[in-house]
Amino acid sequence: MTSQYIILLIFGTVLYFVVTDESVAAAFYYAVRLIRSKVDYRIWWLKNDPSNPIVKHLIYRRNLKLAKELKAKIDKHYEENK
């Protein structure tokens, strides 16, 4: 037997239990939601982890842009009040 038939047999058995028993279907649904939330968490953490050098660079660029805008607003405010 090849591995494809073994995987097909496993999925067929799981599908049979999901279709025939409502509690197994609910457990399968919650297990899939749990796995998806764990994957989404990992992806979010990779995109927003401050120890990631790419994220550090993006944060630095965003803060540098904000600092330039704030500096321009402060300078404009001081010129208007002179």
C-alpha atoms as a PDB file:
ATOM      1  CA  MET A   1       0.000   0.000   0.000  1.00  0.00           C
ATOM      2  CA  THR A   2       1.296   3.419  -0.840  1.00  0.00           C
ATOM      3  CA  SER A   3       1.215   6.360   1.507  1.00  0.00           C
ATOM      4  CA  GLN A   4      -1.575   7.947  -0.553  1.00  0.00           C
ATOM      5  CA  TYR A   5      -3.921   5.070   0.269  1.00  0.00           C
ATOM      6  CA  ILE A   6      -3.045   5.248   3.955  1.00  0.00           C
ATOM      7  CA  ILE A   7      -3.759   8.994   4.054  1.00  0.00           C
ATOM      8  CA  LEU A   8      -7.002   8.425   2.108  1.00  0.00           C
ATOM      9  CA  LEU A   9      -8.022   5.734   4.616  1.00  0.00           C
ATOM     10  CA  ILE A  10      -7.321   8.047   7.574  1.00  0.00           C
ATOM     11  CA  PHE A  11      -9.255  10.961   6.055  1.00  0.00           C
ATOM     12  CA  GLY A  12     -12.101   8.638   5.077  1.00  0.00           C
ATOM     13  CA  THR A  13     -12.376   7.346   8.638  1.00  0.00           C
ATOM     14  CA  VAL A  14     -12.327  10.867  10.082  1.00  0.00           C
ATOM     15  CA  LEU A  15     -14.931  11.996   7.528  1.00  0.00           C
ATOM     16  CA  TYR A  16     -17.169   9.028   8.407  1.00  0.00           C
ATOM     17  CA  PHE A  17     -17.104   9.897  12.122  1.00  0.00           C
ATOM     18  CA  VAL A  18     -17.648  13.605  11.423  1.00  0.00           C
ATOM     19  CA  VAL A  19     -20.691  12.877   9.243  1.00  0.00           C
ATOM     20  CA  THR A  20     -22.260  10.288  11.542  1.00  0.00           C
ATOM     21  CA  ASP A  21     -21.761  11.904  14.970  1.00  0.00           C
ATOM     22  CA  GLU A  22     -22.567  15.545  15.694  1.00  0.00           C
ATOM     23  CA  SER A  23     -20.288  15.791  18.745  1.00  0.00           C
ATOM     24  CA  VAL A  24     -17.315  14.538  16.725  1.00  0.00           C
ATOM     25  CA  ALA A  25     -18.117  17.155  14.085  1.00  0.00           C
ATOM     26  CA  ALA A  26     -18.163  19.880  16.754  1.00  0.00           C
ATOM     27  CA  ALA A  27     -14.866  18.642  18.217  1.00  0.00           C
ATOM     28  CA  PHE A  28     -13.308  18.579  14.737  1.00  0.00           C
ATOM     29  CA  TYR A  29     -14.566  22.121  14.086  1.00  0.00           C
ATOM     30  CA  TYR A  30     -13.108  23.401  17.362  1.00  0.00           C
ATOM     31  CA  ALA A  31      -9.808  21.618  16.745  1.00  0.00           C
ATOM     32  CA  VAL A  32      -9.525  23.218  13.311  1.00  0.00           C
ATOM     33  CA  ARG A  33     -10.342  26.656  14.800  1.00  0.00           C
ATOM     34  CA  LEU A  34      -7.706  26.126  17.498  1.00  0.00           C
ATOM     35  CA  ILE A  35      -5.054  25.184  14.945  1.00  0.00           C
ATOM     36  CA  ARG A  36      -5.975  28.163  12.773  1.00  0.00           C
ATOM     37  CA  SER A  37      -5.759  30.569  15.702  1.00  0.00           C
ATOM     38  CA  LYS A  38      -2.319  29.189  16.641  1.00  0.00           C
ATOM     39  CA  VAL A  39      -1.112  29.645  13.043  1.00  0.00           C
ATOM     40  CA  ASP A  40      -2.550  33.175  12.888  1.00  0.00           C
ATOM     41  CA  TYR A  41      -0.800  33.985  16.181  1.00  0.00           C
ATOM     42  CA  ARG A  42       2.547  32.741  14.870  1.00  0.00           C
ATOM     43  CA  ILE A  43       2.182  34.725  11.639  1.00  0.00           C
ATOM     44  CA  TRP A  44       1.217  37.861  13.592  1.00  0.00           C
ATOM     45  CA  TRP A  45       4.195  37.389  15.910  1.00  0.00           C
ATOM     46  CA  LEU A  46       6.609  37.020  12.983  1.00  0.00           C
ATOM     47  CA  LYS A  47       5.258  40.204  11.414  1.00  0.00           C
ATOM     48  CA  ASN A  48       5.331  42.244  14.646  1.00  0.00           C
ATOM     49  CA  ASP A  49       8.184  40.793  16.714  1.00  0.00           C
ATOM     50  CA  PRO A  50      10.525  43.651  17.656  1.00  0.00           C
ATOM     51  CA  SER A  51      13.564  41.353  17.634  1.00  0.00           C
ATOM     52  CA  ASN A  52      13.033  40.726  13.911  1.00  0.00           C
ATOM     53  CA  PRO A  53      15.502  42.985  12.025  1.00  0.00           C
ATOM     54  CA  ILE A  54      13.042  43.735   9.216  1.00  0.00           C
ATOM     55  CA  VAL A  55      10.401  44.841  11.717  1.00  0.00           C
ATOM     56  CA  LYS A  56      13.014  46.930  13.535  1.00  0.00           C
ATOM     57  CA  HIS A  57      13.819  48.709  10.277  1.00  0.00           C
ATOM     58  CA  LEU A  58      10.133  49.346   9.520  1.00  0.00           C
ATOM     59  CA  ILE A  59       9.558  50.731  13.031  1.00  0.00           C
ATOM     60  CA  TYR A  60      12.653  52.942  12.676  1.00  0.00           C
ATOM     61  CA  ARG A  61      11.449  54.324   9.329  1.00  0.00           C
ATOM     62  CA  ARG A  62       7.953  54.991  10.666  1.00  0.00           C
ATOM     63  CA  ASN A  63       9.333  56.768  13.740  1.00  0.00           C
ATOM     64  CA  LEU A  64      11.780  58.804  11.657  1.00  0.00           C
ATOM     65  CA  LYS A  65       8.949  59.974   9.403  1.00  0.00           C
ATOM     66  CA  LEU A  66       6.821  60.876  12.430  1.00  0.00           C
ATOM     67  CA  ALA A  67       9.736  62.771  13.998  1.00  0.00           C
ATOM     68  CA  LYS A  68      10.227  64.819  10.829  1.00  0.00           C
ATOM     69  CA  GLU A  69       6.516  65.684  10.703  1.00  0.00           C
ATOM     70  CA  LEU A  70       6.475  66.675  14.374  1.00  0.00           C
ATOM     71  CA  LYS A  71       9.639  68.771  13.981  1.00  0.00           C
ATOM     72  CA  ALA A  72       8.069  70.605  11.037  1.00  0.00           C
ATOM     73  CA  LYS A  73       4.879  71.281  13.029  1.00  0.00           C
ATOM     74  CA  ILE A  74       6.851  72.526  16.059  1.00  0.00           C
ATOM     75  CA  ASP A  75       9.005  74.820  13.888  1.00  0.00           C
ATOM     76  CA  LYS A  76       5.880  76.161  12.171  1.00  0.00           C
ATOM     77  CA  HIS A  77       4.239  76.787  15.542  1.00  0.00           C
ATOM     78  CA  TYR A  78       7.285  78.723  16.844  1.00  0.00           C
ATOM     79  CA  GLU A  79       7.478  80.838  13.661  1.00  0.00           C
ATOM     80  CA  GLU A  80       3.802  81.756  13.904  1.00  0.00           C
ATOM     81  CA  ASN A  81       4.113  82.824  17.568  1.00  0.00           C
ATOM     82  CA  LYS A  82       7.137  85.108  17.089  1.00  0.00           C
END
